[in-house]
Amino acid sequence: VGKIPEKYCAECKGEGRVASKRKVNVEVRPGIANGQIVRIKGMGEAGEHNSGSGDLYVKINIKPHSVFERHGNDLLRKKEISAIDALLGKKISIETLDGRRVELEIPRGFNLSNTLKIGGEGMTPAGDMFIKLEVITPKKLSSKAKRLLEELEGELD
């Protein structure tokens, strides 16, 4: 820089900065996308010769959730129900991303290849949660249950 230092600094070797580690809190807002980069102003590497610090850039990598599948701001989850619940159009309880429980009624005549929608329960309030119902049938049927189902079969035609 055109000046002769009065004393040589062994720690910074004349650069005016030393290597160190520090922890930085990063605010990750709901709805952030996988691979998105967050800039934290002034938290990057120190500049040379007492110039200001640069910016820190953090790339966000989102781990898959064990229950929810993300599609933009929408969420998809699977819910196992019994064949009886599906036929009778019963209410089922669904857990949301934030842990609340929402009651949802299965519409009569609902096509199981479709999904049910709960508005505003996605990654953000602008997103929705979609429920894919999976009917679980019993592994064993008693003779009485089998007879009742055979009687019911005639009524469903």
N, C-alpha and C. Protein backbone atom coordinates (compact mmCIF):
# COMPACT_ATOMS: atom_id res chain seq x y z
N VAL A 1 0.83 -1.20 0.00
CA VAL A 1 0.00 0.00 0.00
C VAL A 1 0.86 1.26 0.00
N GLY A 2 2.17 1.10 -0.15
CA GLY A 2 3.06 2.25 -0.24
C GLY A 2 3.58 2.74 1.10
N LYS A 3 3.38 1.97 2.17
CA LYS A 3 3.87 2.36 3.48
C LYS A 3 4.73 1.24 4.05
N ILE A 4 5.68 1.60 4.84
CA ILE A 4 6.52 0.61 5.52
C ILE A 4 5.96 0.43 6.92
N PRO A 5 5.59 -0.79 7.27
CA PRO A 5 5.02 -0.99 8.60
C PRO A 5 6.06 -0.76 9.69
N GLU A 6 5.60 -0.19 10.82
CA GLU A 6 6.50 0.03 11.95
C GLU A 6 6.88 -1.29 12.59
N LYS A 7 5.94 -2.21 12.60
CA LYS A 7 6.17 -3.50 13.23
C LYS A 7 5.55 -4.57 12.34
N TYR A 8 6.27 -5.66 12.12
CA TYR A 8 5.77 -6.76 11.29
C TYR A 8 4.81 -7.61 12.12
N CYS A 9 3.64 -7.89 11.57
CA CYS A 9 2.64 -8.71 12.26
C CYS A 9 2.76 -10.15 11.74
N ALA A 10 3.20 -11.04 12.60
CA ALA A 10 3.36 -12.44 12.20
C ALA A 10 2.01 -13.12 12.01
N GLU A 11 0.99 -12.60 12.68
CA GLU A 11 -0.32 -13.26 12.60
C GLU A 11 -1.01 -12.99 11.26
N CYS A 12 -1.03 -11.74 10.81
CA CYS A 12 -1.74 -11.43 9.56
C CYS A 12 -0.79 -11.35 8.36
N LYS A 13 0.50 -11.34 8.61
CA LYS A 13 1.52 -11.28 7.56
C LYS A 13 1.32 -10.07 6.63
N GLY A 14 0.87 -8.97 7.23
CA GLY A 14 0.73 -7.73 6.48
C GLY A 14 -0.58 -7.59 5.71
N GLU A 15 -1.48 -8.55 5.78
CA GLU A 15 -2.74 -8.46 5.03
C GLU A 15 -3.81 -7.66 5.77
N GLY A 16 -3.64 -7.50 7.08
CA GLY A 16 -4.64 -6.77 7.85
C GLY A 16 -5.84 -7.61 8.22
N ARG A 17 -5.73 -8.92 8.12
CA ARG A 17 -6.81 -9.83 8.49
C ARG A 17 -6.22 -11.17 8.90
N VAL A 18 -6.92 -11.86 9.79
CA VAL A 18 -6.47 -13.17 10.25
C VAL A 18 -7.61 -14.17 10.07
N ALA A 19 -7.23 -15.41 9.84
CA ALA A 19 -8.23 -16.46 9.68
C ALA A 19 -8.85 -16.80 11.03
N SER A 20 -10.16 -16.95 11.04
CA SER A 20 -10.87 -17.36 12.25
C SER A 20 -12.18 -18.01 11.85
N LYS A 21 -12.82 -18.61 12.83
CA LYS A 21 -14.12 -19.23 12.58
C LYS A 21 -15.15 -18.53 13.44
N ARG A 22 -16.36 -18.41 12.92
CA ARG A 22 -17.45 -17.85 13.69
C ARG A 22 -18.75 -18.50 13.24
N LYS A 23 -19.70 -18.52 14.14
CA LYS A 23 -21.01 -19.06 13.83
C LYS A 23 -21.91 -17.93 13.37
N VAL A 24 -22.71 -18.23 12.36
CA VAL A 24 -23.63 -17.24 11.82
C VAL A 24 -25.02 -17.86 11.79
N ASN A 25 -25.99 -17.15 12.35
CA ASN A 25 -27.37 -17.61 12.29
C ASN A 25 -27.96 -17.21 10.94
N VAL A 26 -28.60 -18.17 10.29
CA VAL A 26 -29.20 -17.93 8.99
C VAL A 26 -30.70 -18.15 9.13
N GLU A 27 -31.49 -17.15 8.74
CA GLU A 27 -32.94 -17.29 8.79
C GLU A 27 -33.40 -17.97 7.51
N VAL A 28 -34.00 -19.15 7.68
CA VAL A 28 -34.54 -19.90 6.55
C VAL A 28 -36.05 -19.82 6.65
N ARG A 29 -36.66 -19.12 5.73
CA ARG A 29 -38.11 -18.89 5.78
C ARG A 29 -38.87 -20.07 5.20
N PRO A 30 -40.09 -20.30 5.70
CA PRO A 30 -40.92 -21.37 5.14
C PRO A 30 -41.14 -21.16 3.64
N GLY A 31 -41.08 -22.24 2.90
CA GLY A 31 -41.31 -22.16 1.46
C GLY A 31 -40.05 -21.98 0.64
N ILE A 32 -38.89 -21.91 1.29
CA ILE A 32 -37.65 -21.74 0.54
C ILE A 32 -37.43 -22.98 -0.34
N ALA A 33 -36.88 -22.77 -1.52
CA ALA A 33 -36.72 -23.86 -2.48
C ALA A 33 -35.37 -24.56 -2.30
N ASN A 34 -35.34 -25.83 -2.64
CA ASN A 34 -34.10 -26.59 -2.62
C ASN A 34 -33.13 -25.98 -3.63
N GLY A 35 -31.89 -25.77 -3.21
CA GLY A 35 -30.88 -25.19 -4.10
C GLY A 35 -30.86 -23.67 -4.10
N GLN A 36 -31.82 -23.05 -3.43
CA GLN A 36 -31.87 -21.59 -3.38
C GLN A 36 -30.68 -21.08 -2.58
N ILE A 37 -30.19 -19.90 -2.95
CA ILE A 37 -29.03 -19.31 -2.28
C ILE A 37 -29.49 -18.10 -1.47
N VAL A 38 -29.07 -18.07 -0.21
CA VAL A 38 -29.40 -16.98 0.70
C VAL A 38 -28.14 -16.14 0.90
N ARG A 39 -28.27 -14.82 0.76
CA ARG A 39 -27.13 -13.91 0.94
C ARG A 39 -27.23 -13.26 2.31
N ILE A 40 -26.11 -13.29 3.05
CA ILE A 40 -26.05 -12.64 4.35
C ILE A 40 -25.00 -11.54 4.25
N LYS A 41 -25.48 -10.33 4.19
CA LYS A 41 -24.63 -9.16 3.94
C LYS A 41 -23.62 -8.95 5.08
N GLY A 42 -22.37 -8.75 4.69
CA GLY A 42 -21.31 -8.41 5.64
C GLY A 42 -20.78 -9.56 6.48
N MET A 43 -21.22 -10.80 6.20
CA MET A 43 -20.78 -11.94 7.00
C MET A 43 -19.80 -12.84 6.26
N GLY A 44 -19.29 -12.36 5.12
CA GLY A 44 -18.33 -13.14 4.35
C GLY A 44 -16.91 -12.90 4.83
N GLU A 45 -15.96 -13.21 3.99
CA GLU A 45 -14.55 -13.08 4.33
C GLU A 45 -14.18 -11.61 4.49
N ALA A 46 -13.29 -11.35 5.43
CA ALA A 46 -12.82 -9.98 5.68
C ALA A 46 -12.01 -9.51 4.48
N GLY A 47 -12.15 -8.23 4.17
CA GLY A 47 -11.39 -7.64 3.06
C GLY A 47 -9.95 -7.39 3.47
N GLU A 48 -9.10 -7.22 2.48
CA GLU A 48 -7.69 -6.97 2.76
C GLU A 48 -7.48 -5.53 3.23
N HIS A 49 -6.47 -5.33 4.08
CA HIS A 49 -6.04 -4.01 4.55
C HIS A 49 -7.20 -3.22 5.14
N ASN A 50 -7.92 -3.86 6.05
CA ASN A 50 -9.02 -3.22 6.80
C ASN A 50 -10.21 -2.79 5.94
N SER A 51 -10.32 -3.32 4.74
CA SER A 51 -11.53 -3.02 3.96
C SER A 51 -12.67 -3.87 4.52
N GLY A 52 -13.89 -3.53 4.17
CA GLY A 52 -15.07 -4.20 4.73
C GLY A 52 -15.17 -5.67 4.37
N SER A 53 -15.99 -6.36 5.13
CA SER A 53 -16.21 -7.79 4.88
C SER A 53 -17.14 -7.98 3.69
N GLY A 54 -16.94 -9.08 3.01
CA GLY A 54 -17.82 -9.43 1.89
C GLY A 54 -19.10 -10.08 2.39
N ASP A 55 -19.89 -10.60 1.48
CA ASP A 55 -21.15 -11.24 1.82
C ASP A 55 -20.97 -12.76 1.85
N LEU A 56 -21.73 -13.40 2.69
CA LEU A 56 -21.74 -14.85 2.79
C LEU A 56 -22.92 -15.37 1.99
N TYR A 57 -22.68 -16.38 1.17
CA TYR A 57 -23.74 -17.00 0.38
C TYR A 57 -23.91 -18.44 0.85
N VAL A 58 -25.15 -18.77 1.22
CA VAL A 58 -25.45 -20.10 1.74
C VAL A 58 -26.42 -20.78 0.79
N LYS A 59 -26.02 -21.95 0.28
CA LYS A 59 -26.90 -22.73 -0.58
C LYS A 59 -27.73 -23.66 0.29
N ILE A 60 -29.04 -23.65 0.09
CA ILE A 60 -29.96 -24.43 0.90
C ILE A 60 -30.19 -25.80 0.26
N ASN A 61 -29.93 -26.85 1.03
CA ASN A 61 -30.22 -28.22 0.59
C ASN A 61 -31.28 -28.78 1.54
N ILE A 62 -32.44 -29.11 1.02
CA ILE A 62 -33.56 -29.56 1.84
C ILE A 62 -33.61 -31.08 1.84
N LYS A 63 -33.63 -31.65 3.05
CA LYS A 63 -33.74 -33.10 3.19
C LYS A 63 -35.19 -33.52 2.93
N PRO A 64 -35.39 -34.68 2.34
CA PRO A 64 -36.76 -35.16 2.15
C PRO A 64 -37.44 -35.42 3.49
N HIS A 65 -38.73 -35.15 3.55
CA HIS A 65 -39.51 -35.37 4.77
C HIS A 65 -40.01 -36.81 4.78
N SER A 66 -40.17 -37.38 5.94
CA SER A 66 -40.60 -38.77 6.05
C SER A 66 -42.07 -38.96 5.71
N VAL A 67 -42.87 -37.91 5.78
CA VAL A 67 -44.31 -38.03 5.54
C VAL A 67 -44.77 -37.23 4.33
N PHE A 68 -44.27 -36.02 4.19
CA PHE A 68 -44.73 -35.10 3.15
C PHE A 68 -43.80 -35.09 1.95
N GLU A 69 -44.40 -34.96 0.79
CA GLU A 69 -43.66 -34.81 -0.46
C GLU A 69 -43.98 -33.41 -0.97
N ARG A 70 -42.95 -32.65 -1.30
CA ARG A 70 -43.13 -31.26 -1.68
C ARG A 70 -43.21 -31.10 -3.19
N HIS A 71 -44.17 -30.26 -3.62
CA HIS A 71 -44.32 -29.87 -5.03
C HIS A 71 -44.53 -28.36 -5.04
N GLY A 72 -43.42 -27.61 -5.12
CA GLY A 72 -43.51 -26.15 -5.03
C GLY A 72 -43.97 -25.78 -3.62
N ASN A 73 -45.06 -25.03 -3.51
CA ASN A 73 -45.62 -24.68 -2.20
C ASN A 73 -46.67 -25.68 -1.73
N ASP A 74 -46.99 -26.67 -2.57
CA ASP A 74 -47.98 -27.69 -2.21
C ASP A 74 -47.29 -28.89 -1.57
N LEU A 75 -48.05 -29.59 -0.74
CA LEU A 75 -47.56 -30.81 -0.10
C LEU A 75 -48.47 -31.96 -0.47
N LEU A 76 -47.89 -33.14 -0.61
CA LEU A 76 -48.64 -34.37 -0.85
C LEU A 76 -48.30 -35.33 0.26
N ARG A 77 -49.33 -35.96 0.82
CA ARG A 77 -49.08 -37.00 1.81
C ARG A 77 -50.05 -38.14 1.57
N LYS A 78 -49.64 -39.32 1.99
CA LYS A 78 -50.47 -40.51 1.86
C LYS A 78 -51.13 -40.78 3.20
N LYS A 79 -52.33 -41.33 3.14
CA LYS A 79 -53.05 -41.67 4.36
C LYS A 79 -53.73 -43.01 4.15
N GLU A 80 -53.42 -43.96 5.02
CA GLU A 80 -54.04 -45.28 4.94
C GLU A 80 -55.41 -45.22 5.62
N ILE A 81 -56.40 -45.81 4.95
CA ILE A 81 -57.74 -45.89 5.52
C ILE A 81 -58.28 -47.30 5.28
N SER A 82 -59.31 -47.66 6.02
CA SER A 82 -59.92 -48.97 5.81
C SER A 82 -60.93 -48.87 4.67
N ALA A 83 -61.25 -50.01 4.09
CA ALA A 83 -62.24 -50.05 3.02
C ALA A 83 -63.60 -49.58 3.54
N ILE A 84 -63.91 -49.90 4.78
CA ILE A 84 -65.19 -49.49 5.40
C ILE A 84 -65.25 -47.97 5.50
N ASP A 85 -64.16 -47.34 5.96
CA ASP A 85 -64.12 -45.87 6.06
C ASP A 85 -64.34 -45.24 4.69
N ALA A 86 -63.74 -45.81 3.66
CA ALA A 86 -63.89 -45.28 2.31
C ALA A 86 -65.34 -45.42 1.83
N LEU A 87 -65.96 -46.57 2.06
CA LEU A 87 -67.33 -46.81 1.62
C LEU A 87 -68.35 -45.95 2.37
N LEU A 88 -68.12 -45.75 3.67
CA LEU A 88 -69.07 -45.00 4.48
C LEU A 88 -68.83 -43.49 4.46
N GLY A 89 -67.75 -43.06 3.84
CA GLY A 89 -67.46 -41.62 3.78
C GLY A 89 -67.21 -41.03 5.15
N LYS A 90 -66.45 -41.73 5.95
CA LYS A 90 -66.17 -41.28 7.33
C LYS A 90 -65.20 -40.11 7.35
N LYS A 91 -65.14 -39.47 8.52
CA LYS A 91 -64.15 -38.41 8.74
C LYS A 91 -62.84 -39.05 9.15
N ILE A 92 -61.76 -38.49 8.64
CA ILE A 92 -60.43 -38.95 9.02
C ILE A 92 -59.65 -37.77 9.56
N SER A 93 -58.67 -38.05 10.39
CA SER A 93 -57.84 -37.01 10.98
C SER A 93 -56.49 -37.00 10.26
N ILE A 94 -56.10 -35.82 9.81
CA ILE A 94 -54.85 -35.65 9.07
C ILE A 94 -53.95 -34.70 9.86
N GLU A 95 -52.68 -35.07 10.02
CA GLU A 95 -51.73 -34.18 10.68
C GLU A 95 -51.11 -33.25 9.64
N THR A 96 -51.06 -31.96 9.97
CA THR A 96 -50.47 -30.98 9.07
C THR A 96 -48.96 -30.89 9.31
N LEU A 97 -48.29 -30.11 8.48
CA LEU A 97 -46.84 -29.96 8.58
C LEU A 97 -46.42 -29.40 9.94
N ASP A 98 -47.22 -28.51 10.49
CA ASP A 98 -46.87 -27.91 11.79
C ASP A 98 -47.41 -28.70 12.98
N GLY A 99 -47.93 -29.91 12.75
CA GLY A 99 -48.34 -30.80 13.83
C GLY A 99 -49.79 -30.70 14.26
N ARG A 100 -50.55 -29.75 13.69
CA ARG A 100 -51.97 -29.67 14.02
C ARG A 100 -52.71 -30.82 13.35
N ARG A 101 -53.90 -31.12 13.88
CA ARG A 101 -54.73 -32.17 13.28
C ARG A 101 -55.94 -31.50 12.63
N VAL A 102 -56.25 -31.94 11.41
CA VAL A 102 -57.38 -31.42 10.65
C VAL A 102 -58.32 -32.58 10.33
N GLU A 103 -59.61 -32.37 10.55
CA GLU A 103 -60.61 -33.39 10.22
C GLU A 103 -61.02 -33.22 8.76
N LEU A 104 -61.12 -34.34 8.07
CA LEU A 104 -61.45 -34.33 6.65
C LEU A 104 -62.44 -35.44 6.38
N GLU A 105 -63.54 -35.11 5.70
CA GLU A 105 -64.56 -36.11 5.40
C GLU A 105 -64.31 -36.67 4.00
N ILE A 106 -64.34 -37.99 3.90
CA ILE A 106 -64.18 -38.64 2.60
C ILE A 106 -65.51 -38.51 1.86
N PRO A 107 -65.55 -37.85 0.72
CA PRO A 107 -66.81 -37.69 -0.01
C PRO A 107 -67.35 -39.05 -0.48
N ARG A 108 -68.64 -39.21 -0.42
CA ARG A 108 -69.25 -40.45 -0.91
C ARG A 108 -68.99 -40.58 -2.41
N GLY A 109 -68.68 -41.79 -2.83
CA GLY A 109 -68.39 -42.03 -4.24
C GLY A 109 -67.04 -41.51 -4.67
N PHE A 110 -66.17 -41.21 -3.72
CA PHE A 110 -64.85 -40.66 -4.04
C PHE A 110 -64.02 -41.68 -4.81
N ASN A 111 -63.39 -41.23 -5.89
CA ASN A 111 -62.51 -42.07 -6.70
C ASN A 111 -61.13 -42.08 -6.04
N LEU A 112 -60.69 -43.25 -5.63
CA LEU A 112 -59.43 -43.35 -4.90
C LEU A 112 -58.20 -43.03 -5.74
N SER A 113 -58.36 -42.90 -7.05
CA SER A 113 -57.20 -42.50 -7.87
C SER A 113 -57.00 -40.98 -7.81
N ASN A 114 -57.98 -40.25 -7.26
CA ASN A 114 -57.87 -38.80 -7.09
C ASN A 114 -57.28 -38.47 -5.73
N THR A 115 -57.04 -37.20 -5.48
CA THR A 115 -56.55 -36.75 -4.19
C THR A 115 -57.56 -35.80 -3.56
N LEU A 116 -57.53 -35.71 -2.24
CA LEU A 116 -58.33 -34.73 -1.51
C LEU A 116 -57.46 -33.51 -1.25
N LYS A 117 -58.08 -32.35 -1.20
CA LYS A 117 -57.31 -31.11 -1.04
C LYS A 117 -57.72 -30.40 0.25
N ILE A 118 -56.70 -29.95 0.99
CA ILE A 118 -56.93 -29.09 2.15
C ILE A 118 -56.24 -27.76 1.83
N GLY A 119 -57.03 -26.75 1.58
CA GLY A 119 -56.52 -25.45 1.16
C GLY A 119 -55.73 -24.75 2.25
N GLY A 120 -54.64 -24.10 1.85
CA GLY A 120 -53.84 -23.28 2.76
C GLY A 120 -52.96 -24.05 3.72
N GLU A 121 -52.81 -25.36 3.55
CA GLU A 121 -52.00 -26.16 4.47
C GLU A 121 -50.73 -26.68 3.82
N GLY A 122 -50.21 -25.95 2.83
CA GLY A 122 -48.98 -26.36 2.17
C GLY A 122 -47.75 -25.82 2.89
N MET A 123 -46.66 -25.64 2.15
CA MET A 123 -45.43 -25.10 2.72
C MET A 123 -45.64 -23.67 3.23
N THR A 124 -46.46 -22.92 2.52
CA THR A 124 -46.83 -21.56 2.90
C THR A 124 -48.35 -21.48 2.82
N PRO A 125 -48.95 -20.42 3.35
CA PRO A 125 -50.41 -20.30 3.24
C PRO A 125 -50.91 -20.27 1.79
N ALA A 126 -50.03 -19.96 0.85
CA ALA A 126 -50.44 -19.96 -0.56
C ALA A 126 -50.48 -21.38 -1.12
N GLY A 127 -49.90 -22.34 -0.42
CA GLY A 127 -49.88 -23.73 -0.88
C GLY A 127 -50.99 -24.55 -0.26
N ASP A 128 -51.25 -25.70 -0.84
CA ASP A 128 -52.30 -26.61 -0.37
C ASP A 128 -51.69 -27.96 -0.03
N MET A 129 -52.42 -28.73 0.77
CA MET A 129 -52.02 -30.10 1.07
C MET A 129 -52.96 -31.03 0.33
N PHE A 130 -52.40 -32.00 -0.37
CA PHE A 130 -53.17 -32.99 -1.09
C PHE A 130 -52.99 -34.34 -0.41
N ILE A 131 -54.09 -35.05 -0.22
CA ILE A 131 -54.08 -36.33 0.48
C ILE A 131 -54.38 -37.43 -0.52
N LYS A 132 -53.47 -38.39 -0.62
CA LYS A 132 -53.66 -39.58 -1.44
C LYS A 132 -54.09 -40.71 -0.52
N LEU A 133 -55.34 -41.16 -0.68
CA LEU A 133 -55.87 -42.21 0.19
C LEU A 133 -55.44 -43.58 -0.33
N GLU A 134 -55.01 -44.41 0.60
CA GLU A 134 -54.63 -45.78 0.29
C GLU A 134 -55.49 -46.71 1.12
N VAL A 135 -56.32 -47.51 0.44
CA VAL A 135 -57.22 -48.41 1.15
C VAL A 135 -56.46 -49.67 1.55
N ILE A 136 -56.54 -49.97 2.83
CA ILE A 136 -55.90 -51.16 3.38
C ILE A 136 -57.00 -52.20 3.65
N THR A 137 -56.83 -53.36 3.08
CA THR A 137 -57.81 -54.43 3.29
C THR A 137 -57.29 -55.37 4.37
N PRO A 138 -58.21 -56.00 5.10
CA PRO A 138 -57.77 -56.91 6.17
C PRO A 138 -57.08 -58.15 5.59
N LYS A 139 -56.10 -58.65 6.33
CA LYS A 139 -55.38 -59.85 5.88
C LYS A 139 -56.26 -61.09 6.00
N LYS A 140 -57.12 -61.12 7.01
CA LYS A 140 -58.00 -62.27 7.21
C LYS A 140 -59.41 -61.77 7.43
N LEU A 141 -60.39 -62.51 6.92
CA LEU A 141 -61.80 -62.19 7.14
C LEU A 141 -62.46 -63.37 7.84
N SER A 142 -63.28 -63.07 8.82
CA SER A 142 -64.06 -64.14 9.45
C SER A 142 -65.14 -64.58 8.46
N SER A 143 -65.70 -65.72 8.70
CA SER A 143 -66.75 -66.21 7.80
C SER A 143 -67.95 -65.27 7.84
N LYS A 144 -68.26 -64.68 9.00
CA LYS A 144 -69.37 -63.74 9.12
C LYS A 144 -69.10 -62.49 8.28
N ALA A 145 -67.89 -61.94 8.39
CA ALA A 145 -67.53 -60.74 7.64
C ALA A 145 -67.57 -61.02 6.14
N LYS A 146 -67.08 -62.17 5.74
CA LYS A 146 -67.10 -62.53 4.32
C LYS A 146 -68.53 -62.62 3.81
N ARG A 147 -69.43 -63.24 4.61
CA ARG A 147 -70.84 -63.38 4.22
C ARG A 147 -71.50 -62.00 4.10
N LEU A 148 -71.21 -61.10 5.06
CA LEU A 148 -71.78 -59.75 5.00
C LEU A 148 -71.30 -58.98 3.78
N LEU A 149 -70.03 -59.14 3.44
CA LEU A 149 -69.50 -58.46 2.25
C LEU A 149 -70.11 -59.02 0.97
N GLU A 150 -70.35 -60.31 0.94
CA GLU A 150 -70.99 -60.91 -0.24
C GLU A 150 -72.42 -60.41 -0.38
N GLU A 151 -73.13 -60.21 0.74
CA GLU A 151 -74.48 -59.65 0.69
C GLU A 151 -74.43 -58.21 0.21
N LEU A 152 -73.45 -57.46 0.70
CA LEU A 152 -73.29 -56.05 0.32
C LEU A 152 -72.95 -55.92 -1.16
N GLU A 153 -72.21 -56.88 -1.69
CA GLU A 153 -71.81 -56.85 -3.10
C GLU A 153 -73.03 -56.75 -4.01
N GLY A 154 -74.09 -57.48 -3.67
CA GLY A 154 -75.30 -57.43 -4.47
C GLY A 154 -75.97 -56.06 -4.46
N GLU A 155 -75.85 -55.33 -3.38
CA GLU A 155 -76.45 -54.00 -3.27
C GLU A 155 -75.66 -52.93 -4.01
N LEU A 156 -74.38 -53.13 -4.20
CA LEU A 156 -73.54 -52.12 -4.82
C LEU A 156 -73.64 -52.10 -6.34
N ASP A 157 -74.24 -53.12 -6.92
CA ASP A 157 -74.33 -53.17 -8.39
C ASP A 157 -75.29 -52.17 -8.95
